[in-house]
Structure formats: structure tokens, C-alpha cells
Amino acid sequence: MGGSHFSYTDAQSFVPALDERLDLPAGLREQYVGTVDPGRSTAAQRAYLAAFFDQHLRKRPQDLLDGPSSAHPDVRFVD
């Protein structure tokens, strides 16, 4: 958990590195990119996107899309 609206963009990876230069007000970065680790977030995004396309375009069922995965604890399934 800890993602936010722009967590699903590359901003999550580069904005934290720019914090000192941007002099962002307290909490602003977290409001937009959340607090989830960028490396974990990127790995999860790659895994779920690949699984989605494998399942829907290549017709290869993907267990990853069936529910939560211990490999990606930051991903939450919603109904």
C-alpha cells in the first residue's frame, strides 16, 4: 500500500530524487506519488501488465491476475 494517483507513472521514480531541488511543501510529494517504494512499484507494474497482455492478447491464463500475490504486497485487488 502507499501508492497514489501518479504512482503508476515514471514520476514516482524521479520525483523523490528531485525533492531537495524542487523544495516541495511537506506532504506534497506523497499526495501525488505516494510512499510505496519506487522499485517495488515498478516491478509490480511490469509483472501485472505483462500478465494482463499475456492473458488477454496471447490467450495464456495468468495466475497473477486471480488475486493478491505475496510477490507484490503493495498491489490491492478491488471489487
PDB file of N, CA and C in Angstrom:
ATOM      1  N   MET A   1       0.847  -1.175   0.000  1.00  0.00           N
ATOM      2  CA  MET A   1       0.000   0.000   0.000  1.00  0.00           C
ATOM      3  C   MET A   1       0.895   1.242   0.000  1.00  0.00           C
ATOM      4  N   GLY A   2       0.310   2.350  -0.101  1.00  0.00           N
ATOM      5  CA  GLY A   2       1.080   3.582  -0.069  1.00  0.00           C
ATOM      6  C   GLY A   2       1.210   4.243  -1.422  1.00  0.00           C
ATOM      7  N   GLY A   3       0.529   3.692  -2.429  1.00  0.00           N
ATOM      8  CA  GLY A   3       0.553   4.318  -3.740  1.00  0.00           C
ATOM      9  C   GLY A   3      -0.443   5.459  -3.799  1.00  0.00           C
ATOM     10  N   SER A   4      -0.305   6.273  -4.808  1.00  0.00           N
ATOM     11  CA  SER A   4      -1.218   7.394  -5.001  1.00  0.00           C
ATOM     12  C   SER A   4      -1.472   7.538  -6.499  1.00  0.00           C
ATOM     13  N   HIS A   5      -2.171   8.590  -6.875  1.00  0.00           N
ATOM     14  CA  HIS A   5      -2.622   8.760  -8.254  1.00  0.00           C
ATOM     15  C   HIS A   5      -1.489   8.612  -9.270  1.00  0.00           C
ATOM     16  N   PHE A   6      -0.371   9.265  -9.052  1.00  0.00           N
ATOM     17  CA  PHE A   6       0.716   9.240 -10.024  1.00  0.00           C
ATOM     18  C   PHE A   6       1.752   8.153  -9.740  1.00  0.00           C
ATOM     19  N   SER A   7       1.425   7.192  -8.875  1.00  0.00           N
ATOM     20  CA  SER A   7       2.329   6.076  -8.630  1.00  0.00           C
ATOM     21  C   SER A   7       2.496   5.228  -9.873  1.00  0.00           C
ATOM     22  N   TYR A   8       1.534   5.289 -10.762  1.00  0.00           N
ATOM     23  CA  TYR A   8       1.555   4.475 -11.966  1.00  0.00           C
ATOM     24  C   TYR A   8       2.186   5.242 -13.128  1.00  0.00           C
ATOM     25  N   THR A   9       3.128   6.099 -12.816  1.00  0.00           N
ATOM     26  CA  THR A   9       3.863   6.843 -13.834  1.00  0.00           C
ATOM     27  C   THR A   9       5.342   6.807 -13.471  1.00  0.00           C
ATOM     28  N   ASP A  10       6.190   7.305 -14.357  1.00  0.00           N
ATOM     29  CA  ASP A  10       7.611   7.353 -14.040  1.00  0.00           C
ATOM     30  C   ASP A  10       7.931   8.461 -13.033  1.00  0.00           C
ATOM     31  N   ALA A  11       6.971   9.319 -12.735  1.00  0.00           N
ATOM     32  CA  ALA A  11       7.196  10.380 -11.743  1.00  0.00           C
ATOM     33  C   ALA A  11       7.560   9.791 -10.393  1.00  0.00           C
ATOM     34  N   GLN A  12       7.025   8.628 -10.085  1.00  0.00           N
ATOM     35  CA  GLN A  12       7.312   8.016  -8.802  1.00  0.00           C
ATOM     36  C   GLN A  12       8.801   7.718  -8.651  1.00  0.00           C
ATOM     37  N   SER A  13       9.484   7.462  -9.735  1.00  0.00           N
ATOM     38  CA  SER A  13      10.908   7.149  -9.674  1.00  0.00           C
ATOM     39  C   SER A  13      11.792   8.380  -9.629  1.00  0.00           C
ATOM     40  N   PHE A  14      11.405   9.440 -10.339  1.00  0.00           N
ATOM     41  CA  PHE A  14      12.314  10.582 -10.377  1.00  0.00           C
ATOM     42  C   PHE A  14      11.955  11.723  -9.433  1.00  0.00           C
ATOM     43  N   VAL A  15      10.726  11.876  -9.028  1.00  0.00           N
ATOM     44  CA  VAL A  15      10.361  12.982  -8.139  1.00  0.00           C
ATOM     45  C   VAL A  15      11.063  12.903  -6.783  1.00  0.00           C
ATOM     46  N   PRO A  16      11.136  11.733  -6.136  1.00  0.00           N
ATOM     47  CA  PRO A  16      11.851  11.698  -4.853  1.00  0.00           C
ATOM     48  C   PRO A  16      13.306  12.146  -4.966  1.00  0.00           C
ATOM     49  N   ALA A  17      13.949  11.857  -6.081  1.00  0.00           N
ATOM     50  CA  ALA A  17      15.335  12.273  -6.273  1.00  0.00           C
ATOM     51  C   ALA A  17      15.456  13.787  -6.439  1.00  0.00           C
ATOM     52  N   LEU A  18      14.367  14.428  -6.805  1.00  0.00           N
ATOM     53  CA  LEU A  18      14.380  15.880  -7.015  1.00  0.00           C
ATOM     54  C   LEU A  18      13.869  16.670  -5.810  1.00  0.00           C
ATOM     55  N   ASP A  19      13.478  15.993  -4.758  1.00  0.00           N
ATOM     56  CA  ASP A  19      12.887  16.663  -3.601  1.00  0.00           C
ATOM     57  C   ASP A  19      13.668  17.883  -3.136  1.00  0.00           C
ATOM     58  N   GLU A  20      14.978  17.735  -2.966  1.00  0.00           N
ATOM     59  CA  GLU A  20      15.783  18.848  -2.459  1.00  0.00           C
ATOM     60  C   GLU A  20      15.800  20.020  -3.432  1.00  0.00           C
ATOM     61  N   ARG A  21      15.875  19.730  -4.706  1.00  0.00           N
ATOM     62  CA  ARG A  21      15.935  20.801  -5.708  1.00  0.00           C
ATOM     63  C   ARG A  21      14.584  21.480  -5.915  1.00  0.00           C
ATOM     64  N   LEU A  22      13.510  20.708  -5.791  1.00  0.00           N
ATOM     65  CA  LEU A  22      12.179  21.263  -6.016  1.00  0.00           C
ATOM     66  C   LEU A  22      11.652  22.016  -4.797  1.00  0.00           C
ATOM     67  N   ASP A  23      12.206  21.707  -3.631  1.00  0.00           N
ATOM     68  CA  ASP A  23      11.763  22.332  -2.384  1.00  0.00           C
ATOM     69  C   ASP A  23      10.237  22.244  -2.239  1.00  0.00           C
ATOM     70  N   LEU A  24       9.739  21.022  -2.348  1.00  0.00           N
ATOM     71  CA  LEU A  24       8.296  20.784  -2.268  1.00  0.00           C
ATOM     72  C   LEU A  24       7.784  20.983  -0.848  1.00  0.00           C
ATOM     73  N   PRO A  25       6.587  21.530  -0.699  1.00  0.00           N
ATOM     74  CA  PRO A  25       5.979  21.640   0.621  1.00  0.00           C
ATOM     75  C   PRO A  25       5.792  20.249   1.225  1.00  0.00           C
ATOM     76  N   ALA A  26       5.863  20.164   2.536  1.00  0.00           N
ATOM     77  CA  ALA A  26       5.726  18.890   3.236  1.00  0.00           C
ATOM     78  C   ALA A  26       4.445  18.179   2.797  1.00  0.00           C
ATOM     79  N   GLY A  27       4.571  16.910   2.465  1.00  0.00           N
ATOM     80  CA  GLY A  27       3.417  16.101   2.115  1.00  0.00           C
ATOM     81  C   GLY A  27       2.975  16.171   0.667  1.00  0.00           C
ATOM     82  N   LEU A  28       3.493  17.114  -0.101  1.00  0.00           N
ATOM     83  CA  LEU A  28       3.046  17.266  -1.485  1.00  0.00           C
ATOM     84  C   LEU A  28       3.478  16.079  -2.355  1.00  0.00           C
ATOM     85  N   ARG A  29       4.732  15.648  -2.190  1.00  0.00           N
ATOM     86  CA  ARG A  29       5.199  14.501  -2.972  1.00  0.00           C
ATOM     87  C   ARG A  29       4.333  13.286  -2.687  1.00  0.00           C
ATOM     88  N   GLU A  30       4.093  13.004  -1.399  1.00  0.00           N
ATOM     89  CA  GLU A  30       3.291  11.846  -1.026  1.00  0.00           C
ATOM     90  C   GLU A  30       1.864  11.947  -1.565  1.00  0.00           C
ATOM     91  N   GLN A  31       1.354  13.149  -1.663  1.00  0.00           N
ATOM     92  CA  GLN A  31       0.000  13.348  -2.185  1.00  0.00           C
ATOM     93  C   GLN A  31      -0.090  12.865  -3.633  1.00  0.00           C
ATOM     94  N   TYR A  32       0.956  13.086  -4.392  1.00  0.00           N
ATOM     95  CA  TYR A  32       0.911  12.752  -5.809  1.00  0.00           C
ATOM     96  C   TYR A  32       1.507  11.396  -6.152  1.00  0.00           C
ATOM     97  N   VAL A  33       2.623  11.024  -5.523  1.00  0.00           N
ATOM     98  CA  VAL A  33       3.270   9.762  -5.891  1.00  0.00           C
ATOM     99  C   VAL A  33       3.234   8.728  -4.776  1.00  0.00           C
ATOM    100  N   GLY A  34       2.700   9.062  -3.628  1.00  0.00           N
ATOM    101  CA  GLY A  34       2.569   8.100  -2.544  1.00  0.00           C
ATOM    102  C   GLY A  34       3.879   7.817  -1.845  1.00  0.00           C
ATOM    103  N   THR A  35       3.876   6.768  -1.045  1.00  0.00           N
ATOM    104  CA  THR A  35       5.052   6.428  -0.260  1.00  0.00           C
ATOM    105  C   THR A  35       5.590   5.039  -0.587  1.00  0.00           C
ATOM    106  N   VAL A  36       4.954   4.328  -1.491  1.00  0.00           N
ATOM    107  CA  VAL A  36       5.417   2.992  -1.850  1.00  0.00           C
ATOM    108  C   VAL A  36       6.804   3.083  -2.491  1.00  0.00           C
ATOM    109  N   ASP A  37       7.642   2.093  -2.226  1.00  0.00           N
ATOM    110  CA  ASP A  37       8.985   2.060  -2.786  1.00  0.00           C
ATOM    111  C   ASP A  37       8.908   2.030  -4.314  1.00  0.00           C
ATOM    112  N   PRO A  38       9.576   2.951  -5.004  1.00  0.00           N
ATOM    113  CA  PRO A  38       9.501   3.003  -6.466  1.00  0.00           C
ATOM    114  C   PRO A  38       9.953   1.712  -7.146  1.00  0.00           C
ATOM    115  N   GLY A  39      10.956   1.052  -6.614  1.00  0.00           N
ATOM    116  CA  GLY A  39      11.429  -0.190  -7.212  1.00  0.00           C
ATOM    117  C   GLY A  39      10.385  -1.295  -7.141  1.00  0.00           C
ATOM    118  N   ARG A  40       9.752  -1.419  -5.977  1.00  0.00           N
ATOM    119  CA  ARG A  40       8.688  -2.423  -5.823  1.00  0.00           C
ATOM    120  C   ARG A  40       7.506  -2.085  -6.712  1.00  0.00           C
ATOM    121  N   SER A  41       7.166  -0.817  -6.775  1.00  0.00           N
ATOM    122  CA  SER A  41       6.035  -0.393  -7.596  1.00  0.00           C
ATOM    123  C   SER A  41       6.280  -0.680  -9.072  1.00  0.00           C
ATOM    124  N   THR A  42       7.462  -0.363  -9.551  1.00  0.00           N
ATOM    125  CA  THR A  42       7.798  -0.601 -10.955  1.00  0.00           C
ATOM    126  C   THR A  42       7.792  -2.096 -11.266  1.00  0.00           C
ATOM    127  N   ALA A  43       8.337  -2.899 -10.364  1.00  0.00           N
ATOM    128  CA  ALA A  43       8.348  -4.356 -10.573  1.00  0.00           C
ATOM    129  C   ALA A  43       6.922  -4.906 -10.644  1.00  0.00           C
ATOM    130  N   ALA A  44       6.057  -4.433  -9.771  1.00  0.00           N
ATOM    131  CA  ALA A  44       4.663  -4.889  -9.768  1.00  0.00           C
ATOM    132  C   ALA A  44       3.955  -4.454 -11.051  1.00  0.00           C
ATOM    133  N   GLN A  45       4.172  -3.227 -11.466  1.00  0.00           N
ATOM    134  CA  GLN A  45       3.536  -2.738 -12.689  1.00  0.00           C
ATOM    135  C   GLN A  45       3.967  -3.574 -13.889  1.00  0.00           C
ATOM    136  N   ARG A  46       5.235  -3.861 -13.976  1.00  0.00           N
ATOM    137  CA  ARG A  46       5.730  -4.677 -15.097  1.00  0.00           C
ATOM    138  C   ARG A  46       5.113  -6.065 -15.073  1.00  0.00           C
ATOM    139  N   ALA A  47       5.067  -6.672 -13.895  1.00  0.00           N
ATOM    140  CA  ALA A  47       4.533  -8.030 -13.773  1.00  0.00           C
ATOM    141  C   ALA A  47       3.051  -8.085 -14.134  1.00  0.00           C
ATOM    142  N   TYR A  48       2.266  -7.142 -13.607  1.00  0.00           N
ATOM    143  CA  TYR A  48       0.822  -7.175 -13.863  1.00  0.00           C
ATOM    144  C   TYR A  48       0.483  -6.789 -15.291  1.00  0.00           C
ATOM    145  N   LEU A  49       1.215  -5.853 -15.871  1.00  0.00           N
ATOM    146  CA  LEU A  49       0.974  -5.509 -17.279  1.00  0.00           C
ATOM    147  C   LEU A  49       1.311  -6.676 -18.190  1.00  0.00           C
ATOM    148  N   ALA A  50       2.438  -7.326 -17.945  1.00  0.00           N
ATOM    149  CA  ALA A  50       2.818  -8.475 -18.757  1.00  0.00           C
ATOM    150  C   ALA A  50       1.781  -9.591 -18.619  1.00  0.00           C
ATOM    151  N   ALA A  51       1.333  -9.836 -17.394  1.00  0.00           N
ATOM    152  CA  ALA A  51       0.322 -10.883 -17.171  1.00  0.00           C
ATOM    153  C   ALA A  51      -0.981 -10.534 -17.879  1.00  0.00           C
ATOM    154  N   PHE A  52      -1.388  -9.282 -17.808  1.00  0.00           N
ATOM    155  CA  PHE A  52      -2.620  -8.847 -18.468  1.00  0.00           C
ATOM    156  C   PHE A  52      -2.552  -9.100 -19.973  1.00  0.00           C
ATOM    157  N   PHE A  53      -1.462  -8.654 -20.598  1.00  0.00           N
ATOM    158  CA  PHE A  53      -1.348  -8.813 -22.036  1.00  0.00           C
ATOM    159  C   PHE A  53      -1.177 -10.275 -22.433  1.00  0.00           C
ATOM    160  N   ASP A  54      -0.438 -11.049 -21.637  1.00  0.00           N
ATOM    161  CA  ASP A  54      -0.326 -12.478 -21.934  1.00  0.00           C
ATOM    162  C   ASP A  54      -1.691 -13.151 -21.888  1.00  0.00           C
ATOM    163  N   GLN A  55      -2.480 -12.793 -20.901  1.00  0.00           N
ATOM    164  CA  GLN A  55      -3.786 -13.432 -20.754  1.00  0.00           C
ATOM    165  C   GLN A  55      -4.779 -12.989 -21.831  1.00  0.00           C
ATOM    166  N   HIS A  56      -4.818 -11.722 -22.104  1.00  0.00           N
ATOM    167  CA  HIS A  56      -5.859 -11.208 -22.994  1.00  0.00           C
ATOM    168  C   HIS A  56      -5.469 -11.155 -24.472  1.00  0.00           C
ATOM    169  N   LEU A  57      -4.203 -11.036 -24.763  1.00  0.00           N
ATOM    170  CA  LEU A  57      -3.796 -10.991 -26.166  1.00  0.00           C
ATOM    171  C   LEU A  57      -3.233 -12.320 -26.660  1.00  0.00           C
ATOM    172  N   ARG A  58      -2.524 -13.009 -25.770  1.00  0.00           N
ATOM    173  CA  ARG A  58      -1.923 -14.285 -26.164  1.00  0.00           C
ATOM    174  C   ARG A  58      -2.759 -15.489 -25.716  1.00  0.00           C
ATOM    175  N   LYS A  59      -3.837 -15.196 -24.988  1.00  0.00           N
ATOM    176  CA  LYS A  59      -4.746 -16.249 -24.505  1.00  0.00           C
ATOM    177  C   LYS A  59      -4.025 -17.271 -23.617  1.00  0.00           C
ATOM    178  N   ARG A  60      -3.091 -16.766 -22.787  1.00  0.00           N
ATOM    179  CA  ARG A  60      -2.366 -17.609 -21.832  1.00  0.00           C
ATOM    180  C   ARG A  60      -2.816 -17.227 -20.430  1.00  0.00           C
ATOM    181  N   PRO A  61      -3.580 -18.078 -19.762  1.00  0.00           N
ATOM    182  CA  PRO A  61      -4.068 -17.754 -18.415  1.00  0.00           C
ATOM    183  C   PRO A  61      -2.915 -17.391 -17.469  1.00  0.00           C
ATOM    184  N   GLN A  62      -3.148 -16.393 -16.636  1.00  0.00           N
ATOM    185  CA  GLN A  62      -2.131 -15.897 -15.709  1.00  0.00           C
ATOM    186  C   GLN A  62      -2.663 -15.929 -14.285  1.00  0.00           C
ATOM    187  N   ASP A  63      -2.071 -16.769 -13.455  1.00  0.00           N
ATOM    188  CA  ASP A  63      -2.486 -16.864 -12.054  1.00  0.00           C
ATOM    189  C   ASP A  63      -2.330 -15.539 -11.312  1.00  0.00           C
ATOM    190  N   LEU A  64      -1.376 -14.733 -11.727  1.00  0.00           N
ATOM    191  CA  LEU A  64      -1.127 -13.457 -11.057  1.00  0.00           C
ATOM    192  C   LEU A  64      -2.374 -12.577 -11.040  1.00  0.00           C
ATOM    193  N   LEU A  65      -3.231 -12.726 -12.035  1.00  0.00           N
ATOM    194  CA  LEU A  65      -4.414 -11.889 -12.137  1.00  0.00           C
ATOM    195  C   LEU A  65      -5.606 -12.421 -11.339  1.00  0.00           C
ATOM    196  N   ASP A  66      -5.423 -13.562 -10.685  1.00  0.00           N
ATOM    197  CA  ASP A  66      -6.522 -14.174  -9.933  1.00  0.00           C
ATOM    198  C   ASP A  66      -6.741 -13.568  -8.552  1.00  0.00           C
ATOM    199  N   GLY A  67      -5.745 -12.878  -8.031  1.00  0.00           N
ATOM    200  CA  GLY A  67      -5.887 -12.298  -6.696  1.00  0.00           C
ATOM    201  C   GLY A  67      -4.544 -11.822  -6.174  1.00  0.00           C
ATOM    202  N   PRO A  68      -4.519 -11.397  -4.924  1.00  0.00           N
ATOM    203  CA  PRO A  68      -3.277 -10.873  -4.338  1.00  0.00           C
ATOM    204  C   PRO A  68      -2.118 -11.857  -4.453  1.00  0.00           C
ATOM    205  N   SER A  69      -0.920 -11.304  -4.553  1.00  0.00           N
ATOM    206  CA  SER A  69       0.300 -12.099  -4.680  1.00  0.00           C
ATOM    207  C   SER A  69       1.292 -11.675  -3.603  1.00  0.00           C
ATOM    208  N   SER A  70       1.893 -12.646  -2.950  1.00  0.00           N
ATOM    209  CA  SER A  70       2.908 -12.326  -1.931  1.00  0.00           C
ATOM    210  C   SER A  70       4.143 -11.695  -2.577  1.00  0.00           C
ATOM    211  N   ALA A  71       4.318 -11.902  -3.868  1.00  0.00           N
ATOM    212  CA  ALA A  71       5.444 -11.297  -4.577  1.00  0.00           C
ATOM    213  C   ALA A  71       5.257  -9.793  -4.766  1.00  0.00           C
ATOM    214  N   HIS A  72       4.013  -9.334  -4.697  1.00  0.00           N
ATOM    215  CA  HIS A  72       3.705  -7.906  -4.906  1.00  0.00           C
ATOM    216  C   HIS A  72       2.720  -7.448  -3.820  1.00  0.00           C
ATOM    217  N   PRO A  73       3.196  -7.315  -2.592  1.00  0.00           N
ATOM    218  CA  PRO A  73       2.289  -6.994  -1.475  1.00  0.00           C
ATOM    219  C   PRO A  73       1.682  -5.600  -1.547  1.00  0.00           C
ATOM    220  N   ASP A  74       2.199  -4.731  -2.389  1.00  0.00           N
ATOM    221  CA  ASP A  74       1.655  -3.368  -2.493  1.00  0.00           C
ATOM    222  C   ASP A  74       0.440  -3.295  -3.398  1.00  0.00           C
ATOM    223  N   VAL A  75       0.185  -4.365  -4.148  1.00  0.00           N
ATOM    224  CA  VAL A  75      -0.952  -4.391  -5.076  1.00  0.00           C
ATOM    225  C   VAL A  75      -2.194  -4.863  -4.324  1.00  0.00           C
ATOM    226  N   ARG A  76      -3.245  -4.115  -4.490  1.00  0.00           N
ATOM    227  CA  ARG A  76      -4.509  -4.451  -3.828  1.00  0.00           C
ATOM    228  C   ARG A  76      -5.579  -4.657  -4.893  1.00  0.00           C
ATOM    229  N   PHE A  77      -6.287  -5.758  -4.790  1.00  0.00           N
ATOM    230  CA  PHE A  77      -7.401  -6.030  -5.700  1.00  0.00           C
ATOM    231  C   PHE A  77      -8.658  -5.410  -5.125  1.00  0.00           C
ATOM    232  N   VAL A  78      -9.441  -4.752  -5.945  1.00  0.00           N
ATOM    233  CA  VAL A  78     -10.690  -4.148  -5.503  1.00  0.00           C
ATOM    234  C   VAL A  78     -11.839  -4.702  -6.345  1.00  0.00           C
ATOM    235  N   ASP A  79     -13.006  -4.754  -5.750  1.00  0.00           N
ATOM    236  CA  ASP A  79     -14.199  -5.236  -6.457  1.00  0.00           C
ATOM    237  C   ASP A  79     -14.978  -4.096  -7.038  1.00  0.00           C
TER     238      ASP A  79
END
